[in-house]
């Protein structure tokens, strides 16, 4: 994710937040 962090930052950030929210 760190690789595409600069390209798809919003998407990656959203996925991270989603996973964190789901898995707590």
PDB file of N, CA and C in Angstrom:
ATOM      1  N   UNK A   1       0.842  -1.208   0.000  1.00  0.00           N
ATOM      2  CA  UNK A   1       0.000   0.000   0.000  1.00  0.00           C
ATOM      3  C   UNK A   1       0.874   1.255   0.000  1.00  0.00           C
ATOM      4  N   UNK A   2       2.047   1.112   0.579  1.00  0.00           N
ATOM      5  CA  UNK A   2       2.958   2.264   0.650  1.00  0.00           C
ATOM      6  C   UNK A   2       3.385   2.690  -0.748  1.00  0.00           C
ATOM      7  N   UNK A   3       3.415   1.721  -1.669  1.00  0.00           N
ATOM      8  CA  UNK A   3       3.844   2.030  -3.035  1.00  0.00           C
ATOM      9  C   UNK A   3       2.827   2.930  -3.728  1.00  0.00           C
ATOM     10  N   UNK A   4       1.555   2.538  -3.678  1.00  0.00           N
ATOM     11  CA  UNK A   4       0.517   3.329  -4.355  1.00  0.00           C
ATOM     12  C   UNK A   4      -0.032   4.416  -3.441  1.00  0.00           C
ATOM     13  N   UNK A   5       0.632   4.608  -2.316  1.00  0.00           N
ATOM     14  CA  UNK A   5       0.163   5.615  -1.363  1.00  0.00           C
ATOM     15  C   UNK A   5       0.120   6.988  -2.012  1.00  0.00           C
ATOM     16  N   UNK A   6       1.128   7.285  -2.837  1.00  0.00           N
ATOM     17  CA  UNK A   6       1.193   8.600  -3.478  1.00  0.00           C
ATOM     18  C   UNK A   6       0.229   8.693  -4.646  1.00  0.00           C
ATOM     19  N   UNK A   7      -0.129   7.540  -5.225  1.00  0.00           N
ATOM     20  CA  UNK A   7      -1.017   7.549  -6.387  1.00  0.00           C
ATOM     21  C   UNK A   7      -2.474   7.510  -5.945  1.00  0.00           C
ATOM     22  N   UNK A   8      -2.805   6.516  -5.139  1.00  0.00           N
ATOM     23  CA  UNK A   8      -4.189   6.384  -4.674  1.00  0.00           C
ATOM     24  C   UNK A   8      -4.255   6.582  -3.167  1.00  0.00           C
ATOM     25  N   UNK A   9      -3.857   7.747  -2.729  1.00  0.00           N
ATOM     26  CA  UNK A   9      -3.844   8.024  -1.293  1.00  0.00           C
ATOM     27  C   UNK A   9      -5.254   7.975  -0.708  1.00  0.00           C
ATOM     28  N   UNK A  10      -6.216   8.684  -1.302  1.00  0.00           N
ATOM     29  CA  UNK A  10      -7.583   8.674  -0.770  1.00  0.00           C
ATOM     30  C   UNK A  10      -8.152   7.260  -0.691  1.00  0.00           C
ATOM     31  N   UNK A  11      -7.971   6.499  -1.761  1.00  0.00           N
ATOM     32  CA  UNK A  11      -8.528   5.144  -1.795  1.00  0.00           C
ATOM     33  C   UNK A  11      -7.859   4.270  -0.747  1.00  0.00           C
ATOM     34  N   UNK A  12      -6.538   4.301  -0.701  1.00  0.00           N
ATOM     35  CA  UNK A  12      -5.802   3.488   0.266  1.00  0.00           C
ATOM     36  C   UNK A  12      -6.174   3.885   1.683  1.00  0.00           C
ATOM     37  N   UNK A  13      -6.276   5.189   1.901  1.00  0.00           N
ATOM     38  CA  UNK A  13      -6.617   5.676   3.242  1.00  0.00           C
ATOM     39  C   UNK A  13      -8.007   5.182   3.628  1.00  0.00           C
ATOM     40  N   UNK A  14      -8.914   5.221   2.679  1.00  0.00           N
ATOM     41  CA  UNK A  14     -10.275   4.772   2.946  1.00  0.00           C
ATOM     42  C   UNK A  14     -10.282   3.285   3.277  1.00  0.00           C
ATOM     43  N   UNK A  15      -9.523   2.507   2.534  1.00  0.00           N
ATOM     44  CA  UNK A  15      -9.461   1.061   2.785  1.00  0.00           C
ATOM     45  C   UNK A  15      -8.889   0.797   4.171  1.00  0.00           C
ATOM     46  N   UNK A  16      -7.834   1.519   4.508  1.00  0.00           N
ATOM     47  CA  UNK A  16      -7.217   1.327   5.832  1.00  0.00           C
ATOM     48  C   UNK A  16      -8.207   1.656   6.935  1.00  0.00           C
ATOM     49  N   UNK A  17      -8.891   2.788   6.800  1.00  0.00           N
ATOM     50  CA  UNK A  17      -9.872   3.196   7.806  1.00  0.00           C
ATOM     51  C   UNK A  17     -10.990   2.167   7.891  1.00  0.00           C
ATOM     52  N   UNK A  18     -11.429   1.678   6.726  1.00  0.00           N
ATOM     53  CA  UNK A  18     -12.496   0.672   6.701  1.00  0.00           C
ATOM     54  C   UNK A  18     -12.073  -0.594   7.422  1.00  0.00           C
ATOM     55  N   UNK A  19     -10.882  -1.093   7.098  1.00  0.00           N
ATOM     56  CA  UNK A  19     -10.395  -2.313   7.739  1.00  0.00           C
ATOM     57  C   UNK A  19     -10.255  -2.100   9.238  1.00  0.00           C
ATOM     58  N   UNK A  20      -9.707  -0.957   9.608  1.00  0.00           N
ATOM     59  CA  UNK A  20      -9.531  -0.662  11.033  1.00  0.00           C
ATOM     60  C   UNK A  20     -10.877  -0.585  11.730  1.00  0.00           C
ATOM     61  N   UNK A  21     -11.875  -0.027  11.043  1.00  0.00           N
ATOM     62  CA  UNK A  21     -13.206   0.108  11.638  1.00  0.00           C
ATOM     63  C   UNK A  21     -13.872  -1.258  11.787  1.00  0.00           C
ATOM     64  N   UNK A  22     -13.680  -2.110  10.771  1.00  0.00           N
ATOM     65  CA  UNK A  22     -14.312  -3.433  10.800  1.00  0.00           C
ATOM     66  C   UNK A  22     -13.627  -4.341  11.818  1.00  0.00           C
ATOM     67  N   UNK A  23     -12.297  -4.382  11.763  1.00  0.00           N
ATOM     68  CA  UNK A  23     -11.551  -5.267  12.653  1.00  0.00           C
ATOM     69  C   UNK A  23     -11.302  -4.631  14.019  1.00  0.00           C
ATOM     70  N   UNK A  24     -11.665  -3.371  14.164  1.00  0.00           N
ATOM     71  CA  UNK A  24     -11.506  -2.700  15.434  1.00  0.00           C
ATOM     72  C   UNK A  24     -10.071  -2.315  15.668  1.00  0.00           C
TER      73      UNK A  24
END
